[in-house]
N, C-alpha and C. Protein backbone atom coordinates (compact mmCIF):
# COMPACT_ATOMS: atom_id res chain seq x y z
N UNK A 1 -34.68 10.01 -6.46
CA UNK A 1 -33.34 9.91 -7.06
C UNK A 1 -32.31 9.54 -5.97
N UNK A 2 -32.59 9.97 -4.77
CA UNK A 2 -31.64 9.66 -3.69
C UNK A 2 -31.72 8.20 -3.28
N UNK A 3 -32.90 7.60 -3.47
CA UNK A 3 -33.06 6.21 -3.03
C UNK A 3 -32.23 5.27 -3.89
N UNK A 4 -32.39 5.36 -5.22
CA UNK A 4 -31.65 4.46 -6.10
C UNK A 4 -30.13 4.66 -5.99
N UNK A 5 -29.63 5.89 -6.15
CA UNK A 5 -28.19 6.13 -6.03
C UNK A 5 -27.65 5.65 -4.69
N UNK A 6 -28.45 5.82 -3.65
CA UNK A 6 -27.99 5.41 -2.32
C UNK A 6 -27.81 3.90 -2.28
N UNK A 7 -28.76 3.17 -2.86
CA UNK A 7 -28.66 1.72 -2.86
C UNK A 7 -27.44 1.27 -3.66
N UNK A 8 -27.25 1.85 -4.83
CA UNK A 8 -26.11 1.48 -5.66
C UNK A 8 -24.80 1.91 -5.01
N UNK A 9 -24.82 3.13 -4.47
CA UNK A 9 -23.61 3.65 -3.82
C UNK A 9 -23.29 2.83 -2.59
N UNK A 10 -24.31 2.43 -1.86
CA UNK A 10 -24.10 1.66 -0.64
C UNK A 10 -23.41 0.34 -0.97
N UNK A 11 -23.77 -0.24 -2.11
CA UNK A 11 -23.16 -1.52 -2.49
C UNK A 11 -21.78 -1.29 -3.13
N UNK A 12 -21.69 -0.26 -3.94
CA UNK A 12 -20.43 0.01 -4.65
C UNK A 12 -19.40 0.65 -3.73
N UNK A 13 -19.80 1.67 -3.00
CA UNK A 13 -18.86 2.40 -2.15
C UNK A 13 -18.18 1.50 -1.13
N UNK A 14 -18.94 0.75 -0.32
CA UNK A 14 -18.31 -0.09 0.69
C UNK A 14 -17.36 -1.12 0.07
N UNK A 15 -17.72 -1.63 -1.07
CA UNK A 15 -16.90 -2.66 -1.70
C UNK A 15 -15.59 -2.08 -2.20
N UNK A 16 -15.66 -0.99 -2.93
CA UNK A 16 -14.45 -0.39 -3.50
C UNK A 16 -13.48 0.06 -2.42
N UNK A 17 -13.91 0.88 -1.47
CA UNK A 17 -13.00 1.34 -0.41
C UNK A 17 -12.39 0.17 0.37
N UNK A 18 -13.20 -0.84 0.63
CA UNK A 18 -12.70 -1.98 1.41
C UNK A 18 -11.60 -2.71 0.63
N UNK A 19 -11.86 -2.97 -0.64
CA UNK A 19 -10.88 -3.68 -1.46
C UNK A 19 -9.62 -2.83 -1.63
N UNK A 20 -9.82 -1.53 -1.89
CA UNK A 20 -8.67 -0.64 -2.08
C UNK A 20 -7.95 -0.40 -0.77
N UNK A 21 -8.71 -0.34 0.31
CA UNK A 21 -8.12 -0.04 1.62
C UNK A 21 -7.11 -1.12 2.00
N UNK A 22 -7.44 -2.37 1.75
CA UNK A 22 -6.54 -3.46 2.13
C UNK A 22 -5.21 -3.37 1.37
N UNK A 23 -5.22 -3.34 0.04
CA UNK A 23 -3.97 -3.25 -0.72
C UNK A 23 -3.19 -1.99 -0.36
N UNK A 24 -3.90 -0.87 -0.20
CA UNK A 24 -3.23 0.39 0.12
C UNK A 24 -2.56 0.29 1.48
N UNK A 25 -3.25 -0.33 2.43
CA UNK A 25 -2.68 -0.47 3.77
C UNK A 25 -1.39 -1.28 3.71
N UNK A 26 -1.38 -2.32 2.90
CA UNK A 26 -0.19 -3.15 2.77
C UNK A 26 0.86 -2.45 1.90
N UNK A 27 0.38 -1.68 0.94
CA UNK A 27 1.31 -0.98 0.05
C UNK A 27 2.12 0.05 0.82
N UNK A 28 1.48 0.74 1.76
CA UNK A 28 2.18 1.76 2.54
C UNK A 28 3.27 1.14 3.42
N UNK A 29 2.93 0.14 4.25
CA UNK A 29 3.96 -0.50 5.09
C UNK A 29 5.11 -1.02 4.24
N UNK A 30 4.80 -1.59 3.11
CA UNK A 30 5.84 -2.13 2.24
C UNK A 30 6.72 -1.00 1.73
N UNK A 31 6.10 0.12 1.39
CA UNK A 31 6.86 1.26 0.90
C UNK A 31 7.78 1.80 1.98
N UNK A 32 7.27 1.85 3.21
CA UNK A 32 8.09 2.36 4.31
C UNK A 32 9.17 1.35 4.68
N UNK A 33 8.87 0.08 4.54
CA UNK A 33 9.82 -0.97 4.89
C UNK A 33 11.04 -0.90 3.97
N UNK A 34 10.81 -0.67 2.70
CA UNK A 34 11.92 -0.59 1.75
C UNK A 34 12.78 0.65 2.01
N UNK A 35 12.17 1.85 2.04
CA UNK A 35 12.96 3.06 2.31
C UNK A 35 13.72 2.94 3.62
N UNK A 36 13.10 2.35 4.64
CA UNK A 36 13.76 2.19 5.94
C UNK A 36 15.01 1.33 5.79
N UNK A 37 14.90 0.28 4.98
CA UNK A 37 16.04 -0.61 4.77
C UNK A 37 17.18 0.14 4.08
N UNK A 38 16.83 0.99 3.13
CA UNK A 38 17.85 1.75 2.42
C UNK A 38 18.37 2.90 3.28
N UNK A 39 17.49 3.44 4.14
CA UNK A 39 17.88 4.55 4.99
C UNK A 39 18.94 4.10 6.00
N UNK A 40 18.79 2.90 6.52
CA UNK A 40 19.74 2.39 7.51
C UNK A 40 21.10 2.11 6.86
N UNK A 41 21.15 1.25 5.83
CA UNK A 41 22.44 0.97 5.20
C UNK A 41 22.74 1.99 4.10
N UNK A 42 22.60 3.26 4.42
CA UNK A 42 22.83 4.30 3.42
C UNK A 42 24.32 4.56 3.25
N UNK A 43 25.13 3.55 3.52
CA UNK A 43 26.58 3.67 3.42
C UNK A 43 27.00 3.72 1.95
N UNK A 44 26.34 2.93 1.12
CA UNK A 44 26.66 2.96 -0.30
C UNK A 44 26.78 1.53 -0.84
N UNK A 45 27.56 0.70 -0.18
CA UNK A 45 27.74 -0.67 -0.64
C UNK A 45 26.68 -1.58 -0.02
N UNK A 46 26.24 -1.25 1.18
CA UNK A 46 25.27 -2.08 1.89
C UNK A 46 23.92 -2.13 1.15
N UNK A 47 23.40 -0.98 0.66
CA UNK A 47 22.10 -0.98 0.01
C UNK A 47 22.01 -1.99 -1.14
N UNK A 48 23.09 -2.23 -1.82
CA UNK A 48 23.07 -3.15 -2.95
C UNK A 48 22.74 -4.57 -2.47
N UNK A 49 23.24 -4.95 -1.32
CA UNK A 49 23.00 -6.30 -0.81
C UNK A 49 21.54 -6.47 -0.38
N UNK A 50 21.01 -5.58 0.49
CA UNK A 50 19.61 -5.69 0.93
C UNK A 50 18.64 -5.60 -0.26
N UNK A 51 19.01 -4.83 -1.28
CA UNK A 51 18.12 -4.66 -2.43
C UNK A 51 17.87 -6.01 -3.11
N UNK A 52 18.93 -6.75 -3.36
CA UNK A 52 18.79 -8.05 -4.01
C UNK A 52 18.12 -9.04 -3.07
N UNK A 53 18.42 -8.92 -1.77
CA UNK A 53 17.85 -9.83 -0.78
C UNK A 53 16.35 -9.60 -0.67
N UNK A 54 15.92 -8.33 -0.75
CA UNK A 54 14.50 -8.01 -0.65
C UNK A 54 13.74 -8.62 -1.81
N UNK A 55 14.36 -8.58 -2.98
CA UNK A 55 13.70 -9.11 -4.16
C UNK A 55 13.76 -10.62 -4.12
């Protein structure tokens, strides 16, 4: 039972984590990049400008 699951898991596990790892890695930096932009111009009027510019 360990042989078959291992073969399937070996093919499935590496593929899923690798595919998810890439988007997640980019998703995190992007998430931090946006909050950082808002954190800096946290004056009130400035955030509105960077928000539209980011989009």
